Protein backbone atom coordinates (compact mmCIF):
# COMPACT_ATOMS: atom_id res chain seq x y z
CA UNK A 1 -23.55 -23.77 -4.79
CA UNK A 2 -21.54 -24.97 -1.76
CA UNK A 3 -22.70 -25.66 1.65
CA UNK A 4 -20.98 -25.48 4.80
CA UNK A 5 -21.49 -29.33 5.30
CA UNK A 6 -19.64 -29.72 1.91
CA UNK A 7 -16.84 -27.70 3.09
CA UNK A 8 -16.45 -29.06 6.29
CA UNK A 9 -16.23 -32.74 4.75
CA UNK A 10 -13.78 -31.78 2.25
CA UNK A 11 -10.45 -33.75 2.90
CA UNK A 12 -6.92 -32.59 1.71
CA UNK A 13 -5.48 -34.48 -1.16
CA UNK A 14 -1.84 -34.89 -2.51
CA UNK A 15 -2.30 -31.92 -4.62
CA UNK A 16 -4.28 -28.67 -4.19
CA UNK A 17 -7.82 -29.00 -5.44
CA UNK A 18 -10.82 -26.60 -5.80
CA UNK A 19 -14.28 -26.59 -4.39
CA UNK A 20 -16.52 -24.23 -6.75
CA UNK A 21 -19.19 -22.18 -5.41
CA UNK A 22 -20.52 -20.03 -8.21
CA UNK A 23 -19.77 -16.79 -10.04
CA UNK A 24 -16.00 -17.29 -9.86
CA UNK A 25 -15.80 -18.14 -6.13
CA UNK A 26 -14.10 -21.39 -5.13
CA UNK A 27 -12.62 -22.65 -2.02
CA UNK A 28 -8.84 -23.87 -2.74
CA UNK A 29 -7.86 -26.88 -0.53
CA UNK A 30 -4.23 -27.29 0.15
CA UNK A 31 -2.38 -30.56 1.05
CA UNK A 32 -1.65 -29.10 4.25
CA UNK A 33 -5.36 -28.92 5.11
CA UNK A 34 -5.65 -24.98 4.73
CA UNK A 35 -8.56 -23.82 2.79
CA UNK A 36 -8.43 -20.54 1.12
CA UNK A 37 -11.12 -18.67 -0.64
CA UNK A 38 -10.42 -17.38 -4.13
CA UNK A 39 -12.23 -15.19 -6.79
CA UNK A 40 -11.41 -15.81 -10.36
CA UNK A 41 -12.30 -13.10 -12.79
CA UNK A 42 -11.61 -11.72 -16.34
CA UNK A 43 -10.85 -8.14 -16.82
CA UNK A 44 -9.61 -6.37 -20.09
CA UNK A 45 -9.20 -9.94 -21.83
CA UNK A 46 -6.75 -11.16 -18.66
CA UNK A 47 -7.65 -13.71 -16.13
CA UNK A 48 -6.96 -12.76 -12.74
CA UNK A 49 -7.42 -14.15 -9.07
CA UNK A 50 -7.85 -12.47 -5.79
CA UNK A 51 -7.76 -14.23 -2.41
CA UNK A 52 -10.80 -13.36 0.22
CA UNK A 53 -9.04 -15.10 3.21
CA UNK A 54 -8.94 -18.62 5.10
CA UNK A 55 -11.87 -20.61 5.94
CA UNK A 56 -13.18 -20.59 8.71
CA UNK A 57 -11.95 -17.37 9.35
CA UNK A 58 -13.99 -16.24 6.57
CA UNK A 59 -17.24 -17.99 6.50
CA UNK A 60 -19.06 -18.83 3.38
CA UNK A 61 -21.56 -16.13 3.67
CA UNK A 62 -18.83 -13.30 4.11
CA UNK A 63 -16.83 -14.87 1.04
CA UNK A 64 -20.12 -14.52 -1.01
CA UNK A 65 -20.44 -11.11 -0.07
CA UNK A 66 -16.84 -10.09 -0.75
CA UNK A 67 -17.20 -11.97 -4.30
CA UNK A 68 -20.31 -9.57 -4.95
CA UNK A 69 -18.32 -6.57 -4.14
CA UNK A 70 -15.34 -7.71 -6.41
CA UNK A 71 -17.78 -8.41 -9.24
CA UNK A 72 -19.28 -4.98 -8.96
CA UNK A 73 -15.80 -3.62 -9.24
CA UNK A 74 -14.74 -5.73 -12.45
CA UNK A 75 -18.32 -4.73 -13.69
CA UNK A 76 -17.11 -0.99 -13.32
CA UNK A 77 -13.90 -1.59 -15.00
CA UNK A 78 -11.99 -1.69 -11.74
CA UNK A 79 -9.59 -4.33 -11.04
CA UNK A 80 -10.40 -5.32 -7.36
CA UNK A 81 -6.81 -6.67 -6.80
CA UNK A 82 -5.16 -3.53 -8.12
CA UNK A 83 -7.70 -1.51 -5.96
CA UNK A 84 -6.79 -3.45 -2.88
CA UNK A 85 -3.08 -2.86 -3.32
CA UNK A 86 -3.55 0.71 -3.93
CA UNK A 87 -5.42 1.12 -0.70
CA UNK A 88 -2.76 -0.97 1.36
CA UNK A 89 -0.13 1.61 0.09
CA UNK A 90 -2.23 4.53 0.97
CA UNK A 91 -2.83 3.26 4.49
CA UNK A 92 1.13 2.48 4.58
CA UNK A 93 1.98 6.01 3.49
CA UNK A 94 -0.51 7.44 5.96
CA UNK A 95 0.66 5.45 8.88
CA UNK A 96 4.35 6.68 8.13
CA UNK A 97 3.15 10.33 8.13
């Protein structure tokens, strides 16, 4: 399980690398120094990933909360990435009207 201290101490490398938390959540650290929360999950035999935002804008606690919501969706058979895209499309259509 990750700690804020470990996250803050992580340095960029030549290639992107990952700091794993638990239950599919990890922090991807890019060579540019950006740090992105990602969640890896499997649904219907396919492996997928969804992003939860950049650290420190999205702190560790919030990333874990978002992971749990995504895990609940996956357990219910709902693809969290597809659900997010659908919600975004609905907001766009509503804003146009």
